[in-house]
Amino acid sequence: MWRLMTPREVPLGGPRAMPVRRTLPQRQRSLIGAWCFLDHYGPDRVSESGGMEVAPHPHTGLQTVSWLFTGEIEHRDSAGNVAMVRPREVNLMTAGHGISHSEVSTPETTVLHGAQALGGAARGGA
């Protein structure tokens, strides 16, 4: 049976951060598999929203898939890796143990619009 899920607005990176529309997780749909977040943000005018400024934070055993429609985001981690996420490109980040990362929209970005899925490896089984 198909059910339409309505996203809710949450702050990405804390109470003063840019809003995203989070479709997953949902209280009424507890069994969703390995993916634990599904977010859509924008299109936001960076001059009004402040853009994306997600401070360094850790993940363990997770993967993040980011897909930008407009704008540009700099992804940086504590191991010294830097990656630019650009429109029509997909960025896949696999988080190990003890690494933190940040995501910040670039100064050249005027409109930011994208989607992000965050998930972990399924527990148990082969």
PDB file of N, CA and C in Angstrom:
ATOM      1  N   MET A   1       0.838  -1.175   0.000  1.00  0.00           N
ATOM      2  CA  MET A   1       0.000   0.000   0.000  1.00  0.00           C
ATOM      3  C   MET A   1       0.889   1.246   0.000  1.00  0.00           C
ATOM      4  N   TRP A   2       0.611   2.166  -0.904  1.00  0.00           N
ATOM      5  CA  TRP A   2       1.365   3.412  -0.996  1.00  0.00           C
ATOM      6  C   TRP A   2       0.743   4.454  -0.082  1.00  0.00           C
ATOM      7  N   ARG A   3       1.596   5.244   0.552  1.00  0.00           N
ATOM      8  CA  ARG A   3       1.122   6.320   1.410  1.00  0.00           C
ATOM      9  C   ARG A   3       1.953   7.565   1.111  1.00  0.00           C
ATOM     10  N   LEU A   4       1.288   8.674   0.874  1.00  0.00           N
ATOM     11  CA  LEU A   4       1.971   9.941   0.654  1.00  0.00           C
ATOM     12  C   LEU A   4       2.495  10.458   1.984  1.00  0.00           C
ATOM     13  N   MET A   5       3.792  10.727   2.041  1.00  0.00           N
ATOM     14  CA  MET A   5       4.394  11.250   3.265  1.00  0.00           C
ATOM     15  C   MET A   5       4.644  12.738   3.102  1.00  0.00           C
ATOM     16  N   THR A   6       4.170  13.516   4.038  1.00  0.00           N
ATOM     17  CA  THR A   6       4.331  14.959   4.005  1.00  0.00           C
ATOM     18  C   THR A   6       5.564  15.336   4.821  1.00  0.00           C
ATOM     19  N   PRO A   7       6.490  16.083   4.222  1.00  0.00           N
ATOM     20  CA  PRO A   7       7.693  16.472   4.971  1.00  0.00           C
ATOM     21  C   PRO A   7       7.364  17.511   6.035  1.00  0.00           C
ATOM     22  N   ARG A   8       8.242  17.601   7.040  1.00  0.00           N
ATOM     23  CA  ARG A   8       8.135  18.635   8.067  1.00  0.00           C
ATOM     24  C   ARG A   8       9.384  19.488   7.993  1.00  0.00           C
ATOM     25  N   GLU A   9       9.285  20.731   8.403  1.00  0.00           N
ATOM     26  CA  GLU A   9      10.427  21.633   8.348  1.00  0.00           C
ATOM     27  C   GLU A   9      11.268  21.491   9.619  1.00  0.00           C
ATOM     28  N   VAL A  10      12.575  21.288   9.434  1.00  0.00           N
ATOM     29  CA  VAL A  10      13.518  21.193  10.556  1.00  0.00           C
ATOM     30  C   VAL A  10      14.745  22.049  10.241  1.00  0.00           C
ATOM     31  N   PRO A  11      15.426  22.566  11.268  1.00  0.00           N
ATOM     32  CA  PRO A  11      16.646  23.338  11.022  1.00  0.00           C
ATOM     33  C   PRO A  11      17.831  22.397  10.782  1.00  0.00           C
ATOM     34  N   LEU A  12      18.555  22.596   9.688  1.00  0.00           N
ATOM     35  CA  LEU A  12      19.726  21.783   9.384  1.00  0.00           C
ATOM     36  C   LEU A  12      20.933  22.387  10.090  1.00  0.00           C
ATOM     37  N   GLY A  13      21.474  21.687  11.069  1.00  0.00           N
ATOM     38  CA  GLY A  13      22.654  22.164  11.769  1.00  0.00           C
ATOM     39  C   GLY A  13      22.353  22.954  13.020  1.00  0.00           C
ATOM     40  N   GLY A  14      21.129  22.946  13.514  1.00  0.00           N
ATOM     41  CA  GLY A  14      20.810  23.649  14.748  1.00  0.00           C
ATOM     42  C   GLY A  14      19.731  24.689  14.565  1.00  0.00           C
ATOM     43  N   PRO A  15      19.311  25.309  15.658  1.00  0.00           N
ATOM     44  CA  PRO A  15      18.166  26.216  15.632  1.00  0.00           C
ATOM     45  C   PRO A  15      18.338  27.453  14.755  1.00  0.00           C
ATOM     46  N   ARG A  16      19.555  27.942  14.520  1.00  0.00           N
ATOM     47  CA  ARG A  16      19.745  29.134  13.697  1.00  0.00           C
ATOM     48  C   ARG A  16      20.179  28.784  12.277  1.00  0.00           C
ATOM     49  N   ALA A  17      20.020  27.551  11.878  1.00  0.00           N
ATOM     50  CA  ALA A  17      20.481  27.098  10.571  1.00  0.00           C
ATOM     51  C   ALA A  17      19.369  27.194   9.537  1.00  0.00           C
ATOM     52  N   MET A  18      19.719  26.890   8.290  1.00  0.00           N
ATOM     53  CA  MET A  18      18.730  26.946   7.216  1.00  0.00           C
ATOM     54  C   MET A  18      17.703  25.826   7.380  1.00  0.00           C
ATOM     55  N   PRO A  19      16.457  26.093   7.007  1.00  0.00           N
ATOM     56  CA  PRO A  19      15.430  25.054   7.122  1.00  0.00           C
ATOM     57  C   PRO A  19      15.504  24.064   5.967  1.00  0.00           C
ATOM     58  N   VAL A  20      15.214  22.809   6.281  1.00  0.00           N
ATOM     59  CA  VAL A  20      15.073  21.771   5.261  1.00  0.00           C
ATOM     60  C   VAL A  20      13.722  21.100   5.476  1.00  0.00           C
ATOM     61  N   ARG A  21      13.205  20.508   4.416  1.00  0.00           N
ATOM     62  CA  ARG A  21      11.982  19.737   4.526  1.00  0.00           C
ATOM     63  C   ARG A  21      12.372  18.266   4.629  1.00  0.00           C
ATOM     64  N   ARG A  22      12.119  17.666   5.804  1.00  0.00           N
ATOM     65  CA  ARG A  22      12.534  16.288   6.084  1.00  0.00           C
ATOM     66  C   ARG A  22      11.348  15.354   5.902  1.00  0.00           C
ATOM     67  N   THR A  23      11.468  14.437   4.928  1.00  0.00           N
ATOM     68  CA  THR A  23      10.418  13.462   4.665  1.00  0.00           C
ATOM     69  C   THR A  23      10.596  12.209   5.503  1.00  0.00           C
ATOM     70  N   LEU A  24      11.834  11.809   5.713  1.00  0.00           N
ATOM     71  CA  LEU A  24      12.139  10.657   6.575  1.00  0.00           C
ATOM     72  C   LEU A  24      13.107  11.123   7.651  1.00  0.00           C
ATOM     73  N   PRO A  25      12.997  10.669   8.848  1.00  0.00           N
ATOM     74  CA  PRO A  25      12.039   9.697   9.375  1.00  0.00           C
ATOM     75  C   PRO A  25      10.678  10.323   9.656  1.00  0.00           C
ATOM     76  N   GLN A  26       9.694   9.437   9.810  1.00  0.00           N
ATOM     77  CA  GLN A  26       8.339   9.838  10.175  1.00  0.00           C
ATOM     78  C   GLN A  26       7.851   8.918  11.291  1.00  0.00           C
ATOM     79  N   ARG A  27       7.178   9.487  12.258  1.00  0.00           N
ATOM     80  CA  ARG A  27       6.679   8.690  13.394  1.00  0.00           C
ATOM     81  C   ARG A  27       5.723   7.589  12.950  1.00  0.00           C
ATOM     82  N   GLN A  28       4.852   7.897  11.998  1.00  0.00           N
ATOM     83  CA  GLN A  28       3.856   6.910  11.588  1.00  0.00           C
ATOM     84  C   GLN A  28       4.424   5.843  10.654  1.00  0.00           C
ATOM     85  N   ARG A  29       5.680   5.969  10.252  1.00  0.00           N
ATOM     86  CA  ARG A  29       6.312   4.995   9.358  1.00  0.00           C
ATOM     87  C   ARG A  29       7.656   4.621   9.946  1.00  0.00           C
ATOM     88  N   SER A  30       7.673   3.661  10.862  1.00  0.00           N
ATOM     89  CA  SER A  30       8.887   3.359  11.612  1.00  0.00           C
ATOM     90  C   SER A  30       9.836   2.392  10.907  1.00  0.00           C
ATOM     91  N   LEU A  31       9.380   1.563   9.999  1.00  0.00           N
ATOM     92  CA  LEU A  31      10.228   0.585   9.332  1.00  0.00           C
ATOM     93  C   LEU A  31      10.554   1.085   7.931  1.00  0.00           C
ATOM     94  N   ILE A  32      11.684   1.778   7.784  1.00  0.00           N
ATOM     95  CA  ILE A  32      12.009   2.368   6.489  1.00  0.00           C
ATOM     96  C   ILE A  32      13.266   1.784   5.868  1.00  0.00           C
ATOM     97  N   GLY A  33      13.926   0.866   6.529  1.00  0.00           N
ATOM     98  CA  GLY A  33      15.137   0.284   5.975  1.00  0.00           C
ATOM     99  C   GLY A  33      16.379   1.015   6.450  1.00  0.00           C
ATOM    100  N   ALA A  34      17.441   0.921   5.660  1.00  0.00           N
ATOM    101  CA  ALA A  34      18.737   1.457   6.078  1.00  0.00           C
ATOM    102  C   ALA A  34      18.824   2.984   6.010  1.00  0.00           C
ATOM    103  N   TRP A  35      18.020   3.641   5.172  1.00  0.00           N
ATOM    104  CA  TRP A  35      18.094   5.103   5.044  1.00  0.00           C
ATOM    105  C   TRP A  35      17.304   5.750   6.153  1.00  0.00           C
ATOM    106  N   CYS A  36      17.952   6.652   6.890  1.00  0.00           N
ATOM    107  CA  CYS A  36      17.293   7.218   8.065  1.00  0.00           C
ATOM    108  C   CYS A  36      16.898   8.682   7.916  1.00  0.00           C
ATOM    109  N   PHE A  37      17.394   9.409   6.912  1.00  0.00           N
ATOM    110  CA  PHE A  37      16.976  10.787   6.674  1.00  0.00           C
ATOM    111  C   PHE A  37      16.800  11.003   5.175  1.00  0.00           C
ATOM    112  N   LEU A  38      15.810  11.789   4.814  1.00  0.00           N
ATOM    113  CA  LEU A  38      15.633  12.232   3.445  1.00  0.00           C
ATOM    114  C   LEU A  38      15.199  13.688   3.511  1.00  0.00           C
ATOM    115  N   ASP A  39      16.083  14.598   3.076  1.00  0.00           N
ATOM    116  CA  ASP A  39      15.859  16.036   3.178  1.00  0.00           C
ATOM    117  C   ASP A  39      15.838  16.689   1.804  1.00  0.00           C
ATOM    118  N   HIS A  40      15.040  17.751   1.689  1.00  0.00           N
ATOM    119  CA  HIS A  40      15.008  18.602   0.508  1.00  0.00           C
ATOM    120  C   HIS A  40      15.135  20.034   0.999  1.00  0.00           C
ATOM    121  N   TYR A  41      16.028  20.813   0.405  1.00  0.00           N
ATOM    122  CA  TYR A  41      16.197  22.209   0.810  1.00  0.00           C
ATOM    123  C   TYR A  41      16.178  23.113  -0.413  1.00  0.00           C
ATOM    124  N   GLY A  42      15.624  24.308  -0.204  1.00  0.00           N
ATOM    125  CA  GLY A  42      15.556  25.314  -1.242  1.00  0.00           C
ATOM    126  C   GLY A  42      14.370  25.127  -2.167  1.00  0.00           C
ATOM    127  N   PRO A  43      14.357  25.908  -3.233  1.00  0.00           N
ATOM    128  CA  PRO A  43      15.378  26.907  -3.536  1.00  0.00           C
ATOM    129  C   PRO A  43      15.326  28.067  -2.544  1.00  0.00           C
ATOM    130  N   ASP A  44      16.482  28.369  -1.942  1.00  0.00           N
ATOM    131  CA  ASP A  44      16.629  29.446  -0.965  1.00  0.00           C
ATOM    132  C   ASP A  44      17.586  30.494  -1.493  1.00  0.00           C
ATOM    133  N   ARG A  45      17.191  31.749  -1.376  1.00  0.00           N
ATOM    134  CA  ARG A  45      18.107  32.849  -1.687  1.00  0.00           C
ATOM    135  C   ARG A  45      19.070  32.968  -0.521  1.00  0.00           C
ATOM    136  N   VAL A  46      20.334  32.735  -0.792  1.00  0.00           N
ATOM    137  CA  VAL A  46      21.353  32.714   0.253  1.00  0.00           C
ATOM    138  C   VAL A  46      21.449  34.057   0.971  1.00  0.00           C
ATOM    139  N   SER A  47      21.194  35.164   0.258  1.00  0.00           N
ATOM    140  CA  SER A  47      21.247  36.480   0.887  1.00  0.00           C
ATOM    141  C   SER A  47      20.182  36.629   1.977  1.00  0.00           C
ATOM    142  N   GLU A  48      19.101  35.864   1.876  1.00  0.00           N
ATOM    143  CA  GLU A  48      18.031  35.910   2.875  1.00  0.00           C
ATOM    144  C   GLU A  48      18.170  34.814   3.924  1.00  0.00           C
ATOM    145  N   SER A  49      18.552  33.611   3.494  1.00  0.00           N
ATOM    146  CA  SER A  49      18.602  32.466   4.409  1.00  0.00           C
ATOM    147  C   SER A  49      19.940  32.319   5.122  1.00  0.00           C
ATOM    148  N   GLY A  50      20.991  32.932   4.568  1.00  0.00           N
ATOM    149  CA  GLY A  50      22.326  32.723   5.129  1.00  0.00           C
ATOM    150  C   GLY A  50      23.037  31.525   4.538  1.00  0.00           C
ATOM    151  N   GLY A  51      22.325  30.740   3.729  1.00  0.00           N
ATOM    152  CA  GLY A  51      22.939  29.586   3.088  1.00  0.00           C
ATOM    153  C   GLY A  51      23.143  28.429   4.035  1.00  0.00           C
ATOM    154  N   MET A  52      23.940  27.488   3.601  1.00  0.00           N
ATOM    155  CA  MET A  52      24.229  26.305   4.410  1.00  0.00           C
ATOM    156  C   MET A  52      25.513  26.535   5.187  1.00  0.00           C
ATOM    157  N   GLU A  53      25.447  26.393   6.490  1.00  0.00           N
ATOM    158  CA  GLU A  53      26.623  26.470   7.360  1.00  0.00           C
ATOM    159  C   GLU A  53      26.491  25.401   8.430  1.00  0.00           C
ATOM    160  N   VAL A  54      26.796  24.174   8.059  1.00  0.00           N
ATOM    161  CA  VAL A  54      26.717  23.061   8.993  1.00  0.00           C
ATOM    162  C   VAL A  54      28.106  22.868   9.594  1.00  0.00           C
ATOM    163  N   ALA A  55      28.220  23.147  10.886  1.00  0.00           N
ATOM    164  CA  ALA A  55      29.498  23.058  11.598  1.00  0.00           C
ATOM    165  C   ALA A  55      30.011  21.611  11.613  1.00  0.00           C
ATOM    166  N   PRO A  56      31.321  21.432  11.838  1.00  0.00           N
ATOM    167  CA  PRO A  56      31.873  20.074  11.887  1.00  0.00           C
ATOM    168  C   PRO A  56      31.123  19.190  12.887  1.00  0.00           C
ATOM    169  N   HIS A  57      30.784  17.999  12.432  1.00  0.00           N
ATOM    170  CA  HIS A  57      30.076  17.030  13.269  1.00  0.00           C
ATOM    171  C   HIS A  57      30.456  15.620  12.803  1.00  0.00           C
ATOM    172  N   PRO A  58      30.413  14.638  13.698  1.00  0.00           N
ATOM    173  CA  PRO A  58      30.799  13.272  13.330  1.00  0.00           C
ATOM    174  C   PRO A  58      29.620  12.434  12.847  1.00  0.00           C
ATOM    175  N   HIS A  59      29.929  11.428  12.055  1.00  0.00           N
ATOM    176  CA  HIS A  59      29.018  10.344  11.710  1.00  0.00           C
ATOM    177  C   HIS A  59      29.835   9.069  11.864  1.00  0.00           C
ATOM    178  N   THR A  60      29.199   7.970  12.193  1.00  0.00           N
ATOM    179  CA  THR A  60      29.882   6.693  12.282  1.00  0.00           C
ATOM    180  C   THR A  60      29.082   5.649  11.527  1.00  0.00           C
ATOM    181  N   GLY A  61      29.703   5.038  10.538  1.00  0.00           N
ATOM    182  CA  GLY A  61      29.060   3.965   9.795  1.00  0.00           C
ATOM    183  C   GLY A  61      27.874   4.419   8.957  1.00  0.00           C
ATOM    184  N   LEU A  62      27.911   5.652   8.464  1.00  0.00           N
ATOM    185  CA  LEU A  62      26.819   6.181   7.659  1.00  0.00           C
ATOM    186  C   LEU A  62      27.310   6.587   6.284  1.00  0.00           C
ATOM    187  N   GLN A  63      26.379   6.708   5.368  1.00  0.00           N
ATOM    188  CA  GLN A  63      26.671   7.273   4.057  1.00  0.00           C
ATOM    189  C   GLN A  63      25.699   8.410   3.798  1.00  0.00           C
ATOM    190  N   THR A  64      26.205   9.464   3.160  1.00  0.00           N
ATOM    191  CA  THR A  64      25.385  10.603   2.785  1.00  0.00           C
ATOM    192  C   THR A  64      25.462  10.768   1.276  1.00  0.00           C
ATOM    193  N   VAL A  65      24.296  10.857   0.651  1.00  0.00           N
ATOM    194  CA  VAL A  65      24.212  11.126  -0.779  1.00  0.00           C
ATOM    195  C   VAL A  65      23.629  12.526  -0.928  1.00  0.00           C
ATOM    196  N   SER A  66      24.392  13.434  -1.541  1.00  0.00           N
ATOM    197  CA  SER A  66      23.942  14.811  -1.753  1.00  0.00           C
ATOM    198  C   SER A  66      23.797  15.057  -3.249  1.00  0.00           C
ATOM    199  N   TRP A  67      22.701  15.718  -3.620  1.00  0.00           N
ATOM    200  CA  TRP A  67      22.436  16.031  -5.027  1.00  0.00           C
ATOM    201  C   TRP A  67      22.005  17.484  -5.086  1.00  0.00           C
ATOM    202  N   LEU A  68      22.803  18.318  -5.752  1.00  0.00           N
ATOM    203  CA  LEU A  68      22.504  19.739  -5.859  1.00  0.00           C
ATOM    204  C   LEU A  68      21.841  20.051  -7.189  1.00  0.00           C
ATOM    205  N   PHE A  69      20.827  20.918  -7.135  1.00  0.00           N
ATOM    206  CA  PHE A  69      20.167  21.421  -8.343  1.00  0.00           C
ATOM    207  C   PHE A  69      20.738  22.793  -8.704  1.00  0.00           C
ATOM    208  N   THR A  70      20.934  23.656  -7.695  1.00  0.00           N
ATOM    209  CA  THR A  70      21.575  24.959  -7.889  1.00  0.00           C
ATOM    210  C   THR A  70      22.439  25.279  -6.678  1.00  0.00           C
ATOM    211  N   GLY A  71      23.479  26.084  -6.915  1.00  0.00           N
ATOM    212  CA  GLY A  71      24.396  26.466  -5.846  1.00  0.00           C
ATOM    213  C   GLY A  71      25.606  25.559  -5.805  1.00  0.00           C
ATOM    214  N   GLU A  72      26.436  25.775  -4.798  1.00  0.00           N
ATOM    215  CA  GLU A  72      27.652  24.988  -4.633  1.00  0.00           C
ATOM    216  C   GLU A  72      27.931  24.870  -3.137  1.00  0.00           C
ATOM    217  N   ILE A  73      28.355  23.677  -2.704  1.00  0.00           N
ATOM    218  CA  ILE A  73      28.649  23.415  -1.296  1.00  0.00           C
ATOM    219  C   ILE A  73      30.065  22.862  -1.177  1.00  0.00           C
ATOM    220  N   GLU A  74      30.808  23.383  -0.207  1.00  0.00           N
ATOM    221  CA  GLU A  74      32.124  22.835   0.099  1.00  0.00           C
ATOM    222  C   GLU A  74      31.974  21.840   1.234  1.00  0.00           C
ATOM    223  N   HIS A  75      32.408  20.616   0.981  1.00  0.00           N
ATOM    224  CA  HIS A  75      32.397  19.547   1.979  1.00  0.00           C
ATOM    225  C   HIS A  75      33.837  19.353   2.448  1.00  0.00           C
ATOM    226  N   ARG A  76      34.065  19.438   3.752  1.00  0.00           N
ATOM    227  CA  ARG A  76      35.415  19.349   4.315  1.00  0.00           C
ATOM    228  C   ARG A  76      35.381  18.384   5.494  1.00  0.00           C
ATOM    229  N   ASP A  77      36.437  17.534   5.628  1.00  0.00           N
ATOM    230  CA  ASP A  77      36.456  16.647   6.791  1.00  0.00           C
ATOM    231  C   ASP A  77      37.761  16.770   7.566  1.00  0.00           C
ATOM    232  N   SER A  78      37.762  16.161   8.749  1.00  0.00           N
ATOM    233  CA  SER A  78      38.901  16.285   9.666  1.00  0.00           C
ATOM    234  C   SER A  78      40.119  15.488   9.219  1.00  0.00           C
ATOM    235  N   ALA A  79      39.986  14.687   8.156  1.00  0.00           N
ATOM    236  CA  ALA A  79      41.130  13.965   7.595  1.00  0.00           C
ATOM    237  C   ALA A  79      41.834  14.804   6.525  1.00  0.00           C
ATOM    238  N   GLY A  80      41.339  16.037   6.295  1.00  0.00           N
ATOM    239  CA  GLY A  80      41.951  16.923   5.318  1.00  0.00           C
ATOM    240  C   GLY A  80      41.367  16.860   3.927  1.00  0.00           C
ATOM    241  N   ASN A  81      40.298  16.096   3.747  1.00  0.00           N
ATOM    242  CA  ASN A  81      39.659  15.993   2.433  1.00  0.00           C
ATOM    243  C   ASN A  81      38.715  17.168   2.201  1.00  0.00           C
ATOM    244  N   VAL A  82      38.735  17.701   0.982  1.00  0.00           N
ATOM    245  CA  VAL A  82      37.842  18.777   0.577  1.00  0.00           C
ATOM    246  C   VAL A  82      37.210  18.376  -0.752  1.00  0.00           C
ATOM    247  N   ALA A  83      35.890  18.516  -0.836  1.00  0.00           N
ATOM    248  CA  ALA A  83      35.181  18.204  -2.078  1.00  0.00           C
ATOM    249  C   ALA A  83      34.154  19.291  -2.328  1.00  0.00           C
ATOM    250  N   MET A  84      34.034  19.690  -3.580  1.00  0.00           N
ATOM    251  CA  MET A  84      33.017  20.650  -3.976  1.00  0.00           C
ATOM    252  C   MET A  84      31.831  19.873  -4.541  1.00  0.00           C
ATOM    253  N   VAL A  85      30.636  20.186  -4.050  1.00  0.00           N
ATOM    254  CA  VAL A  85      29.419  19.587  -4.566  1.00  0.00           C
ATOM    255  C   VAL A  85      28.782  20.640  -5.460  1.00  0.00           C
ATOM    256  N   ARG A  86      28.587  20.288  -6.725  1.00  0.00           N
ATOM    257  CA  ARG A  86      28.100  21.241  -7.734  1.00  0.00           C
ATOM    258  C   ARG A  86      26.792  20.754  -8.344  1.00  0.00           C
ATOM    259  N   PRO A  87      26.052  21.654  -8.997  1.00  0.00           N
ATOM    260  CA  PRO A  87      24.784  21.261  -9.610  1.00  0.00           C
ATOM    261  C   PRO A  87      24.935  20.101 -10.596  1.00  0.00           C
ATOM    262  N   ARG A  88      23.934  19.243 -10.591  1.00  0.00           N
ATOM    263  CA  ARG A  88      23.845  18.074 -11.459  1.00  0.00           C
ATOM    264  C   ARG A  88      24.911  17.031 -11.147  1.00  0.00           C
ATOM    265  N   GLU A  89      25.597  17.175 -10.020  1.00  0.00           N
ATOM    266  CA  GLU A  89      26.557  16.166  -9.575  1.00  0.00           C
ATOM    267  C   GLU A  89      26.018  15.509  -8.313  1.00  0.00           C
ATOM    268  N   VAL A  90      26.425  14.278  -8.087  1.00  0.00           N
ATOM    269  CA  VAL A  90      26.059  13.562  -6.876  1.00  0.00           C
ATOM    270  C   VAL A  90      27.325  13.369  -6.057  1.00  0.00           C
ATOM    271  N   ASN A  91      27.238  13.671  -4.767  1.00  0.00           N
ATOM    272  CA  ASN A  91      28.358  13.493  -3.860  1.00  0.00           C
ATOM    273  C   ASN A  91      28.008  12.365  -2.905  1.00  0.00           C
ATOM    274  N   LEU A  92      28.885  11.378  -2.791  1.00  0.00           N
ATOM    275  CA  LEU A  92      28.702  10.263  -1.865  1.00  0.00           C
ATOM    276  C   LEU A  92      29.790  10.349  -0.808  1.00  0.00           C
ATOM    277  N   MET A  93      29.395  10.460   0.445  1.00  0.00           N
ATOM    278  CA  MET A  93      30.345  10.474   1.552  1.00  0.00           C
ATOM    279  C   MET A  93      30.099   9.233   2.394  1.00  0.00           C
ATOM    280  N   THR A  94      31.146   8.477   2.634  1.00  0.00           N
ATOM    281  CA  THR A  94      31.079   7.336   3.533  1.00  0.00           C
ATOM    282  C   THR A  94      31.845   7.700   4.793  1.00  0.00           C
ATOM    283  N   ALA A  95      31.156   7.676   5.921  1.00  0.00           N
ATOM    284  CA  ALA A  95      31.761   8.102   7.186  1.00  0.00           C
ATOM    285  C   ALA A  95      32.355   6.914   7.918  1.00  0.00           C
ATOM    286  N   GLY A  96      33.588   7.087   8.293  1.00  0.00           N
ATOM    287  CA  GLY A  96      34.241   6.096   9.124  1.00  0.00           C
ATOM    288  C   GLY A  96      34.114   6.470  10.583  1.00  0.00           C
ATOM    289  N   HIS A  97      34.964   5.925  11.409  1.00  0.00           N
ATOM    290  CA  HIS A  97      34.956   6.196  12.846  1.00  0.00           C
ATOM    291  C   HIS A  97      35.979   7.280  13.166  1.00  0.00           C
ATOM    292  N   GLY A  98      35.590   8.272  13.937  1.00  0.00           N
ATOM    293  CA  GLY A  98      36.532   9.299  14.383  1.00  0.00           C
ATOM    294  C   GLY A  98      36.758  10.441  13.411  1.00  0.00           C
ATOM    295  N   ILE A  99      35.943  10.558  12.380  1.00  0.00           N
ATOM    296  CA  ILE A  99      36.073  11.633  11.389  1.00  0.00           C
ATOM    297  C   ILE A  99      34.867  12.557  11.539  1.00  0.00           C
ATOM    298  N   SER A 100      35.110  13.850  11.474  1.00  0.00           N
ATOM    299  CA  SER A 100      33.996  14.799  11.452  1.00  0.00           C
ATOM    300  C   SER A 100      34.033  15.558  10.131  1.00  0.00           C
ATOM    301  N   HIS A 101      32.896  16.136   9.744  1.00  0.00           N
ATOM    302  CA  HIS A 101      32.835  16.859   8.478  1.00  0.00           C
ATOM    303  C   HIS A 101      31.932  18.073   8.611  1.00  0.00           C
ATOM    304  N   SER A 102      32.114  19.018   7.688  1.00  0.00           N
ATOM    305  CA  SER A 102      31.274  20.211   7.638  1.00  0.00           C
ATOM    306  C   SER A 102      30.804  20.419   6.208  1.00  0.00           C
ATOM    307  N   GLU A 103      29.703  21.170   6.063  1.00  0.00           N
ATOM    308  CA  GLU A 103      29.149  21.503   4.756  1.00  0.00           C
ATOM    309  C   GLU A 103      28.783  22.982   4.775  1.00  0.00           C
ATOM    310  N   VAL A 104      29.348  23.743   3.833  1.00  0.00           N
ATOM    311  CA  VAL A 104      29.136  25.189   3.790  1.00  0.00           C
ATOM    312  C   VAL A 104      28.906  25.608   2.343  1.00  0.00           C
ATOM    313  N   SER A 105      27.861  26.418   2.118  1.00  0.00           N
ATOM    314  CA  SER A 105      27.656  26.945   0.764  1.00  0.00           C
ATOM    315  C   SER A 105      28.753  27.965   0.471  1.00  0.00           C
ATOM    316  N   THR A 106      29.184  28.020  -0.773  1.00  0.00           N
ATOM    317  CA  THR A 106      30.294  28.886  -1.161  1.00  0.00           C
ATOM    318  C   THR A 106      29.834  30.341  -1.282  1.00  0.00           C
ATOM    319  N   PRO A 107      30.764  31.293  -1.199  1.00  0.00           N
ATOM    320  CA  PRO A 107      30.411  32.717  -1.341  1.00  0.00           C
ATOM    321  C   PRO A 107      29.781  33.046  -2.697  1.00  0.00           C
ATOM    322  N   GLU A 108      30.088  32.273  -3.733  1.00  0.00           N
ATOM    323  CA  GLU A 108      29.535  32.510  -5.065  1.00  0.00           C
ATOM    324  C   GLU A 108      28.078  32.062  -5.185  1.00  0.00           C
ATOM    325  N   THR A 109      27.597  31.272  -4.248  1.00  0.00           N
ATOM    326  CA  THR A 109      26.236  30.736  -4.318  1.00  0.00           C
ATOM    327  C   THR A 109      25.218  31.820  -3.988  1.00  0.00           C
ATOM    328  N   THR A 110      24.267  32.026  -4.902  1.00  0.00           N
ATOM    329  CA  THR A 110      23.187  32.985  -4.662  1.00  0.00           C
ATOM    330  C   THR A 110      21.874  32.277  -4.352  1.00  0.00           C
ATOM    331  N   VAL A 111      21.654  31.099  -4.972  1.00  0.00           N
ATOM    332  CA  VAL A 111      20.471  30.284  -4.703  1.00  0.00           C
ATOM    333  C   VAL A 111      20.944  28.865  -4.421  1.00  0.00           C
ATOM    334  N   LEU A 112      20.459  28.287  -3.323  1.00  0.00           N
ATOM    335  CA  LEU A 112      20.839  26.930  -2.936  1.00  0.00           C
ATOM    336  C   LEU A 112      19.600  26.047  -2.989  1.00  0.00           C
ATOM    337  N   HIS A 113      19.726  24.909  -3.700  1.00  0.00           N
ATOM    338  CA  HIS A 113      18.613  23.990  -3.862  1.00  0.00           C
ATOM    339  C   HIS A 113      19.175  22.592  -4.040  1.00  0.00           C
ATOM    340  N   GLY A 114      18.736  21.649  -3.205  1.00  0.00           N
ATOM    341  CA  GLY A 114      19.240  20.297  -3.331  1.00  0.00           C
ATOM    342  C   GLY A 114      18.491  19.298  -2.480  1.00  0.00           C
ATOM    343  N   ALA A 115      18.994  18.090  -2.468  1.00  0.00           N
ATOM    344  CA  ALA A 115      18.409  17.007  -1.678  1.00  0.00           C
ATOM    345  C   ALA A 115      19.541  16.192  -1.073  1.00  0.00           C
ATOM    346  N   GLN A 116      19.247  15.560   0.059  1.00  0.00           N
ATOM    347  CA  GLN A 116      20.258  14.756   0.725  1.00  0.00           C
ATOM    348  C   GLN A 116      19.589  13.563   1.412  1.00  0.00           C
ATOM    349  N   ALA A 117      20.201  12.410   1.254  1.00  0.00           N
ATOM    350  CA  ALA A 117      19.756  11.191   1.950  1.00  0.00           C
ATOM    351  C   ALA A 117      20.908  10.721   2.822  1.00  0.00           C
ATOM    352  N   LEU A 118      20.605  10.338   4.035  1.00  0.00           N
ATOM    353  CA  LEU A 118      21.608   9.884   4.998  1.00  0.00           C
ATOM    354  C   LEU A 118      21.176   8.536   5.503  1.00  0.00           C
ATOM    355  N   GLY A 119      22.065   7.555   5.431  1.00  0.00           N
ATOM    356  CA  GLY A 119      21.685   6.235   5.875  1.00  0.00           C
ATOM    357  C   GLY A 119      22.847   5.438   6.407  1.00  0.00           C
ATOM    358  N   GLY A 120      22.525   4.339   7.007  1.00  0.00           N
ATOM    359  CA  GLY A 120      23.531   3.457   7.571  1.00  0.00           C
ATOM    360  C   GLY A 120      23.401   2.070   7.023  1.00  0.00           C
ATOM    361  N   ALA A 121      24.415   1.293   7.277  1.00  0.00           N
ATOM    362  CA  ALA A 121      24.370  -0.103   6.852  1.00  0.00           C
ATOM    363  C   ALA A 121      23.299  -0.832   7.646  1.00  0.00           C
ATOM    364  N   ALA A 122      22.599  -1.722   6.981  1.00  0.00           N
ATOM    365  CA  ALA A 122      21.580  -2.502   7.673  1.00  0.00           C
ATOM    366  C   ALA A 122      22.233  -3.339   8.750  1.00  0.00           C
ATOM    367  N   ARG A 123      21.604  -3.441   9.881  1.00  0.00           N
ATOM    368  CA  ARG A 123      22.123  -4.202  11.009  1.00  0.00           C
ATOM    369  C   ARG A 123      21.659  -5.650  10.911  1.00  0.00           C
ATOM    370  N   GLY A 124      22.534  -6.537  11.299  1.00  0.00           N
ATOM    371  CA  GLY A 124      22.169  -7.945  11.328  1.00  0.00           C
ATOM    372  C   GLY A 124      22.161  -8.566   9.941  1.00  0.00           C
ATOM    373  N   GLY A 125      22.018  -9.843   9.871  1.00  0.00           N
ATOM    374  CA  GLY A 125      21.969 -10.528   8.583  1.00  0.00           C
ATOM    375  C   GLY A 125      23.305 -10.557   7.893  1.00  0.00           C
ATOM    376  N   ALA A 126      23.344 -11.129   6.696  1.00  0.00           N
ATOM    377  CA  ALA A 126      24.608 -11.248   5.974  1.00  0.00           C
ATOM    378  C   ALA A 126      24.794 -10.137   4.996  1.00  0.00           C
TER     379      ALA A 126
END
